[in-house]
Amino acid sequence: MHDITDIERRGVPGVFVASSVFVDAAQQQGEALGFQPPRVFVEHPIQDRTDDEMRTIAEKAVETLVERLTAG
């Protein structure tokens, strides 16, 4: 959350991406930082996934990522 906050404050559009187990933590961290960036949550867990599994997760998320990144 700190990274995306810093990136956005520098004028570079971004989207916060994390696995679904971090929804509540991201909300709380955003509130503490005073910034609620666009977010996309993917299925959990990520660790120990094969390359093919990670591609599938990314393919499922990419449309939403682009939408959040380009939303005005």
PDB file of N, CA and C in Angstrom:
ATOM      1  N   MET A   1       0.827  -1.192   0.000  1.00  0.00           N
ATOM      2  CA  MET A   1       0.000   0.000   0.000  1.00  0.00           C
ATOM      3  C   MET A   1       0.871   1.256   0.000  1.00  0.00           C
ATOM      4  N   HIS A   2       1.969   1.225   0.728  1.00  0.00           N
ATOM      5  CA  HIS A   2       2.850   2.389   0.746  1.00  0.00           C
ATOM      6  C   HIS A   2       3.405   2.691  -0.645  1.00  0.00           C
ATOM      7  N   ASP A   3       3.773   1.648  -1.377  1.00  0.00           N
ATOM      8  CA  ASP A   3       4.346   1.850  -2.712  1.00  0.00           C
ATOM      9  C   ASP A   3       3.349   2.503  -3.657  1.00  0.00           C
ATOM     10  N   ILE A   4       2.135   1.994  -3.715  1.00  0.00           N
ATOM     11  CA  ILE A   4       1.150   2.559  -4.646  1.00  0.00           C
ATOM     12  C   ILE A   4       0.782   3.977  -4.225  1.00  0.00           C
ATOM     13  N   THR A   5       0.768   4.243  -2.945  1.00  0.00           N
ATOM     14  CA  THR A   5       0.496   5.596  -2.468  1.00  0.00           C
ATOM     15  C   THR A   5       1.584   6.548  -2.956  1.00  0.00           C
ATOM     16  N   ASP A   6       2.834   6.136  -2.820  1.00  0.00           N
ATOM     17  CA  ASP A   6       3.950   6.964  -3.271  1.00  0.00           C
ATOM     18  C   ASP A   6       3.912   7.153  -4.787  1.00  0.00           C
ATOM     19  N   ILE A   7       3.663   6.105  -5.521  1.00  0.00           N
ATOM     20  CA  ILE A   7       3.602   6.181  -6.987  1.00  0.00           C
ATOM     21  C   ILE A   7       2.506   7.146  -7.421  1.00  0.00           C
ATOM     22  N   GLU A   8       1.325   7.003  -6.847  1.00  0.00           N
ATOM     23  CA  GLU A   8       0.204   7.879  -7.216  1.00  0.00           C
ATOM     24  C   GLU A   8       0.498   9.336  -6.862  1.00  0.00           C
ATOM     25  N   ARG A   9       1.093   9.573  -5.735  1.00  0.00           N
ATOM     26  CA  ARG A   9       1.409  10.954  -5.334  1.00  0.00           C
ATOM     27  C   ARG A   9       2.459  11.590  -6.236  1.00  0.00           C
ATOM     28  N   ARG A  10       3.222  10.766  -6.932  1.00  0.00           N
ATOM     29  CA  ARG A  10       4.200  11.274  -7.902  1.00  0.00           C
ATOM     30  C   ARG A  10       3.558  11.520  -9.270  1.00  0.00           C
ATOM     31  N   GLY A  11       2.265  11.241  -9.368  1.00  0.00           N
ATOM     32  CA  GLY A  11       1.541  11.494 -10.608  1.00  0.00           C
ATOM     33  C   GLY A  11       1.510  10.328 -11.576  1.00  0.00           C
ATOM     34  N   VAL A  12       1.943   9.168 -11.132  1.00  0.00           N
ATOM     35  CA  VAL A  12       1.931   7.983 -11.985  1.00  0.00           C
ATOM     36  C   VAL A  12       0.719   7.141 -11.609  1.00  0.00           C
ATOM     37  N   PRO A  13      -0.204   6.934 -12.553  1.00  0.00           N
ATOM     38  CA  PRO A  13      -1.386   6.125 -12.228  1.00  0.00           C
ATOM     39  C   PRO A  13      -0.984   4.694 -11.874  1.00  0.00           C
ATOM     40  N   GLY A  14      -1.684   4.123 -10.934  1.00  0.00           N
ATOM     41  CA  GLY A  14      -1.397   2.757 -10.536  1.00  0.00           C
ATOM     42  C   GLY A  14      -2.608   2.089  -9.926  1.00  0.00           C
ATOM     43  N   VAL A  15      -2.494   0.796  -9.739  1.00  0.00           N
ATOM     44  CA  VAL A  15      -3.540  -0.007  -9.114  1.00  0.00           C
ATOM     45  C   VAL A  15      -2.878  -0.903  -8.078  1.00  0.00           C
ATOM     46  N   PHE A  16      -3.460  -0.950  -6.895  1.00  0.00           N
ATOM     47  CA  PHE A  16      -2.987  -1.832  -5.828  1.00  0.00           C
ATOM     48  C   PHE A  16      -3.484  -3.241  -6.132  1.00  0.00           C
ATOM     49  N   VAL A  17      -2.576  -4.218  -6.122  1.00  0.00           N
ATOM     50  CA  VAL A  17      -2.934  -5.610  -6.395  1.00  0.00           C
ATOM     51  C   VAL A  17      -2.460  -6.466  -5.235  1.00  0.00           C
ATOM     52  N   ALA A  18      -3.362  -7.286  -4.720  1.00  0.00           N
ATOM     53  CA  ALA A  18      -3.015  -8.206  -3.636  1.00  0.00           C
ATOM     54  C   ALA A  18      -3.957  -9.396  -3.704  1.00  0.00           C
ATOM     55  N   SER A  19      -3.638 -10.426  -2.961  1.00  0.00           N
ATOM     56  CA  SER A  19      -4.550 -11.572  -2.917  1.00  0.00           C
ATOM     57  C   SER A  19      -5.691 -11.292  -1.949  1.00  0.00           C
ATOM     58  N   SER A  20      -6.763 -12.015  -2.138  1.00  0.00           N
ATOM     59  CA  SER A  20      -8.034 -11.735  -1.465  1.00  0.00           C
ATOM     60  C   SER A  20      -7.973 -11.774   0.056  1.00  0.00           C
ATOM     61  N   VAL A  21      -7.011 -12.437   0.616  1.00  0.00           N
ATOM     62  CA  VAL A  21      -6.908 -12.502   2.071  1.00  0.00           C
ATOM     63  C   VAL A  21      -6.553 -11.138   2.678  1.00  0.00           C
ATOM     64  N   PHE A  22      -6.085 -10.204   1.836  1.00  0.00           N
ATOM     65  CA  PHE A  22      -5.635  -8.904   2.323  1.00  0.00           C
ATOM     66  C   PHE A  22      -6.644  -7.777   2.122  1.00  0.00           C
ATOM     67  N   VAL A  23      -7.887  -8.095   1.834  1.00  0.00           N
ATOM     68  CA  VAL A  23      -8.906  -7.059   1.616  1.00  0.00           C
ATOM     69  C   VAL A  23      -9.036  -6.144   2.835  1.00  0.00           C
ATOM     70  N   ASP A  24      -9.263  -6.712   3.993  1.00  0.00           N
ATOM     71  CA  ASP A  24      -9.445  -5.904   5.208  1.00  0.00           C
ATOM     72  C   ASP A  24      -8.178  -5.130   5.560  1.00  0.00           C
ATOM     73  N   ALA A  25      -7.031  -5.769   5.441  1.00  0.00           N
ATOM     74  CA  ALA A  25      -5.768  -5.095   5.756  1.00  0.00           C
ATOM     75  C   ALA A  25      -5.532  -3.918   4.818  1.00  0.00           C
ATOM     76  N   ALA A  26      -5.859  -4.075   3.532  1.00  0.00           N
ATOM     77  CA  ALA A  26      -5.678  -2.987   2.578  1.00  0.00           C
ATOM     78  C   ALA A  26      -6.594  -1.812   2.912  1.00  0.00           C
ATOM     79  N   GLN A  27      -7.808  -2.114   3.313  1.00  0.00           N
ATOM     80  CA  GLN A  27      -8.744  -1.053   3.689  1.00  0.00           C
ATOM     81  C   GLN A  27      -8.218  -0.273   4.892  1.00  0.00           C
ATOM     82  N   GLN A  28      -7.783  -0.983   5.895  1.00  0.00           N
ATOM     83  CA  GLN A  28      -7.272  -0.347   7.109  1.00  0.00           C
ATOM     84  C   GLN A  28      -5.999   0.448   6.823  1.00  0.00           C
ATOM     85  N   GLN A  29      -5.115  -0.106   6.020  1.00  0.00           N
ATOM     86  CA  GLN A  29      -3.873   0.594   5.688  1.00  0.00           C
ATOM     87  C   GLN A  29      -4.179   1.851   4.884  1.00  0.00           C
ATOM     88  N   GLY A  30      -5.106   1.747   3.935  1.00  0.00           N
ATOM     89  CA  GLY A  30      -5.503   2.919   3.153  1.00  0.00           C
ATOM     90  C   GLY A  30      -6.072   4.019   4.034  1.00  0.00           C
ATOM     91  N   GLU A  31      -6.899   3.639   4.991  1.00  0.00           N
ATOM     92  CA  GLU A  31      -7.458   4.619   5.923  1.00  0.00           C
ATOM     93  C   GLU A  31      -6.354   5.277   6.737  1.00  0.00           C
ATOM     94  N   ALA A  32      -5.394   4.487   7.192  1.00  0.00           N
ATOM     95  CA  ALA A  32      -4.294   5.033   7.987  1.00  0.00           C
ATOM     96  C   ALA A  32      -3.435   5.993   7.167  1.00  0.00           C
ATOM     97  N   LEU A  33      -3.287   5.715   5.878  1.00  0.00           N
ATOM     98  CA  LEU A  33      -2.474   6.567   5.007  1.00  0.00           C
ATOM     99  C   LEU A  33      -3.265   7.731   4.426  1.00  0.00           C
ATOM    100  N   GLY A  34      -4.577   7.689   4.582  1.00  0.00           N
ATOM    101  CA  GLY A  34      -5.412   8.737   4.015  1.00  0.00           C
ATOM    102  C   GLY A  34      -5.511   8.665   2.506  1.00  0.00           C
ATOM    103  N   PHE A  35      -5.422   7.465   1.958  1.00  0.00           N
ATOM    104  CA  PHE A  35      -5.430   7.282   0.515  1.00  0.00           C
ATOM    105  C   PHE A  35      -6.063   5.938   0.191  1.00  0.00           C
ATOM    106  N   GLN A  36      -7.010   5.936  -0.714  1.00  0.00           N
ATOM    107  CA  GLN A  36      -7.681   4.702  -1.117  1.00  0.00           C
ATOM    108  C   GLN A  36      -7.483   4.507  -2.624  1.00  0.00           C
ATOM    109  N   PRO A  37      -6.389   3.882  -3.021  1.00  0.00           N
ATOM    110  CA  PRO A  37      -6.128   3.695  -4.442  1.00  0.00           C
ATOM    111  C   PRO A  37      -7.081   2.662  -5.046  1.00  0.00           C
ATOM    112  N   PRO A  38      -7.182   2.668  -6.368  1.00  0.00           N
ATOM    113  CA  PRO A  38      -7.942   1.595  -6.998  1.00  0.00           C
ATOM    114  C   PRO A  38      -7.284   0.264  -6.647  1.00  0.00           C
ATOM    115  N   ARG A  39      -8.094  -0.770  -6.499  1.00  0.00           N
ATOM    116  CA  ARG A  39      -7.574  -2.069  -6.043  1.00  0.00           C
ATOM    117  C   ARG A  39      -8.132  -3.210  -6.865  1.00  0.00           C
ATOM    118  N   VAL A  40      -7.330  -4.234  -6.973  1.00  0.00           N
ATOM    119  CA  VAL A  40      -7.768  -5.501  -7.560  1.00  0.00           C
ATOM    120  C   VAL A  40      -7.234  -6.596  -6.649  1.00  0.00           C
ATOM    121  N   PHE A  41      -8.117  -7.482  -6.262  1.00  0.00           N
ATOM    122  CA  PHE A  41      -7.722  -8.613  -5.430  1.00  0.00           C
ATOM    123  C   PHE A  41      -7.857  -9.890  -6.241  1.00  0.00           C
ATOM    124  N   VAL A  42      -6.837 -10.719  -6.159  1.00  0.00           N
ATOM    125  CA  VAL A  42      -6.814 -11.991  -6.882  1.00  0.00           C
ATOM    126  C   VAL A  42      -6.939 -13.132  -5.887  1.00  0.00           C
ATOM    127  N   GLU A  43      -7.140 -14.321  -6.416  1.00  0.00           N
ATOM    128  CA  GLU A  43      -7.347 -15.461  -5.527  1.00  0.00           C
ATOM    129  C   GLU A  43      -6.102 -15.748  -4.689  1.00  0.00           C
ATOM    130  N   HIS A  44      -6.346 -16.292  -3.541  1.00  0.00           N
ATOM    131  CA  HIS A  44      -5.297 -16.605  -2.568  1.00  0.00           C
ATOM    132  C   HIS A  44      -5.211 -18.109  -2.419  1.00  0.00           C
ATOM    133  N   PRO A  45      -4.096 -18.684  -2.191  1.00  0.00           N
ATOM    134  CA  PRO A  45      -2.772 -18.104  -2.030  1.00  0.00           C
ATOM    135  C   PRO A  45      -2.052 -17.954  -3.375  1.00  0.00           C
ATOM    136  N   ILE A  46      -1.011 -17.150  -3.367  1.00  0.00           N
ATOM    137  CA  ILE A  46      -0.175 -16.932  -4.543  1.00  0.00           C
ATOM    138  C   ILE A  46       1.084 -17.796  -4.472  1.00  0.00           C
ATOM    139  N   GLN A  47       1.643 -17.880  -3.293  1.00  0.00           N
ATOM    140  CA  GLN A  47       2.900 -18.632  -3.162  1.00  0.00           C
ATOM    141  C   GLN A  47       2.709 -20.073  -3.597  1.00  0.00           C
ATOM    142  N   ASP A  48       3.736 -20.634  -4.093  1.00  0.00           N
ATOM    143  CA  ASP A  48       3.778 -22.028  -4.535  1.00  0.00           C
ATOM    144  C   ASP A  48       2.906 -22.307  -5.756  1.00  0.00           C
ATOM    145  N   ARG A  49       2.490 -21.270  -6.467  1.00  0.00           N
ATOM    146  CA  ARG A  49       1.734 -21.472  -7.710  1.00  0.00           C
ATOM    147  C   ARG A  49       2.711 -21.750  -8.841  1.00  0.00           C
ATOM    148  N   THR A  50       2.263 -22.545  -9.793  1.00  0.00           N
ATOM    149  CA  THR A  50       3.075 -22.783 -10.981  1.00  0.00           C
ATOM    150  C   THR A  50       2.985 -21.563 -11.899  1.00  0.00           C
ATOM    151  N   ASP A  51       3.866 -21.494 -12.858  1.00  0.00           N
ATOM    152  CA  ASP A  51       3.814 -20.398 -13.826  1.00  0.00           C
ATOM    153  C   ASP A  51       2.471 -20.388 -14.556  1.00  0.00           C
ATOM    154  N   ASP A  52       1.988 -21.562 -14.926  1.00  0.00           N
ATOM    155  CA  ASP A  52       0.697 -21.635 -15.620  1.00  0.00           C
ATOM    156  C   ASP A  52      -0.444 -21.151 -14.731  1.00  0.00           C
ATOM    157  N   GLU A  53      -0.416 -21.513 -13.468  1.00  0.00           N
ATOM    158  CA  GLU A  53      -1.455 -21.037 -12.539  1.00  0.00           C
ATOM    159  C   GLU A  53      -1.396 -19.521 -12.386  1.00  0.00           C
ATOM    160  N   MET A  54      -0.191 -18.984 -12.318  1.00  0.00           N
ATOM    161  CA  MET A  54      -0.049 -17.529 -12.197  1.00  0.00           C
ATOM    162  C   MET A  54      -0.537 -16.821 -13.460  1.00  0.00           C
ATOM    163  N   ARG A  55      -0.274 -17.411 -14.630  1.00  0.00           N
ATOM    164  CA  ARG A  55      -0.794 -16.828 -15.872  1.00  0.00           C
ATOM    165  C   ARG A  55      -2.313 -16.795 -15.856  1.00  0.00           C
ATOM    166  N   THR A  56      -2.923 -17.853 -15.384  1.00  0.00           N
ATOM    167  CA  THR A  56      -4.385 -17.921 -15.319  1.00  0.00           C
ATOM    168  C   THR A  56      -4.925 -16.851 -14.376  1.00  0.00           C
ATOM    169  N   ILE A  57      -4.312 -16.692 -13.226  1.00  0.00           N
ATOM    170  CA  ILE A  57      -4.726 -15.658 -12.274  1.00  0.00           C
ATOM    171  C   ILE A  57      -4.583 -14.281 -12.918  1.00  0.00           C
ATOM    172  N   ALA A  58      -3.465 -14.043 -13.589  1.00  0.00           N
ATOM    173  CA  ALA A  58      -3.236 -12.747 -14.242  1.00  0.00           C
ATOM    174  C   ALA A  58      -4.251 -12.502 -15.356  1.00  0.00           C
ATOM    175  N   GLU A  59      -4.520 -13.515 -16.155  1.00  0.00           N
ATOM    176  CA  GLU A  59      -5.489 -13.368 -17.247  1.00  0.00           C
ATOM    177  C   GLU A  59      -6.879 -13.030 -16.714  1.00  0.00           C
ATOM    178  N   LYS A  60      -7.243 -13.595 -15.584  1.00  0.00           N
ATOM    179  CA  LYS A  60      -8.542 -13.289 -14.975  1.00  0.00           C
ATOM    180  C   LYS A  60      -8.596 -11.850 -14.467  1.00  0.00           C
ATOM    181  N   ALA A  61      -7.452 -11.312 -14.062  1.00  0.00           N
ATOM    182  CA  ALA A  61      -7.423  -9.993 -13.431  1.00  0.00           C
ATOM    183  C   ALA A  61      -7.155  -8.849 -14.399  1.00  0.00           C
ATOM    184  N   VAL A  62      -6.585  -9.111 -15.554  1.00  0.00           N
ATOM    185  CA  VAL A  62      -6.078  -8.036 -16.406  1.00  0.00           C
ATOM    186  C   VAL A  62      -7.161  -7.069 -16.857  1.00  0.00           C
ATOM    187  N   GLU A  63      -8.338  -7.535 -17.196  1.00  0.00           N
ATOM    188  CA  GLU A  63      -9.395  -6.625 -17.641  1.00  0.00           C
ATOM    189  C   GLU A  63      -9.785  -5.655 -16.527  1.00  0.00           C
ATOM    190  N   THR A  64      -9.944  -6.177 -15.328  1.00  0.00           N
ATOM    191  CA  THR A  64     -10.287  -5.331 -14.187  1.00  0.00           C
ATOM    192  C   THR A  64      -9.150  -4.360 -13.883  1.00  0.00           C
ATOM    193  N   LEU A  65      -7.911  -4.817 -13.991  1.00  0.00           N
ATOM    194  CA  LEU A  65      -6.764  -3.935 -13.776  1.00  0.00           C
ATOM    195  C   LEU A  65      -6.780  -2.757 -14.743  1.00  0.00           C
ATOM    196  N   VAL A  66      -7.002  -3.039 -16.000  1.00  0.00           N
ATOM    197  CA  VAL A  66      -7.036  -1.971 -17.006  1.00  0.00           C
ATOM    198  C   VAL A  66      -8.190  -1.015 -16.726  1.00  0.00           C
ATOM    199  N   GLU A  67      -9.359  -1.559 -16.394  1.00  0.00           N
ATOM    200  CA  GLU A  67     -10.519  -0.710 -16.076  1.00  0.00           C
ATOM    201  C   GLU A  67     -10.203   0.223 -14.904  1.00  0.00           C
ATOM    202  N   ARG A  68      -9.627  -0.306 -13.857  1.00  0.00           N
ATOM    203  CA  ARG A  68      -9.315   0.512 -12.677  1.00  0.00           C
ATOM    204  C   ARG A  68      -8.225   1.526 -12.974  1.00  0.00           C
ATOM    205  N   LEU A  69      -7.279   1.137 -13.804  1.00  0.00           N
ATOM    206  CA  LEU A  69      -6.181   2.031 -14.141  1.00  0.00           C
ATOM    207  C   LEU A  69      -6.643   3.198 -15.008  1.00  0.00           C
ATOM    208  N   THR A  70      -7.604   2.955 -15.858  1.00  0.00           N
ATOM    209  CA  THR A  70      -8.035   3.991 -16.801  1.00  0.00           C
ATOM    210  C   THR A  70      -9.301   4.723 -16.379  1.00  0.00           C
ATOM    211  N   ALA A  71      -9.899   4.316 -15.274  1.00  0.00           N
ATOM    212  CA  ALA A  71     -11.121   4.987 -14.790  1.00  0.00           C
ATOM    213  C   ALA A  71     -10.785   6.418 -14.375  1.00  0.00           C
ATOM    214  N   GLY A  72     -11.669   7.332 -14.731  1.00  0.00           N
ATOM    215  CA  GLY A  72     -11.423   8.737 -14.399  1.00  0.00           C
ATOM    216  C   GLY A  72     -11.815   9.053 -13.067  1.00  0.00           C
TER     217      GLY A  72
END
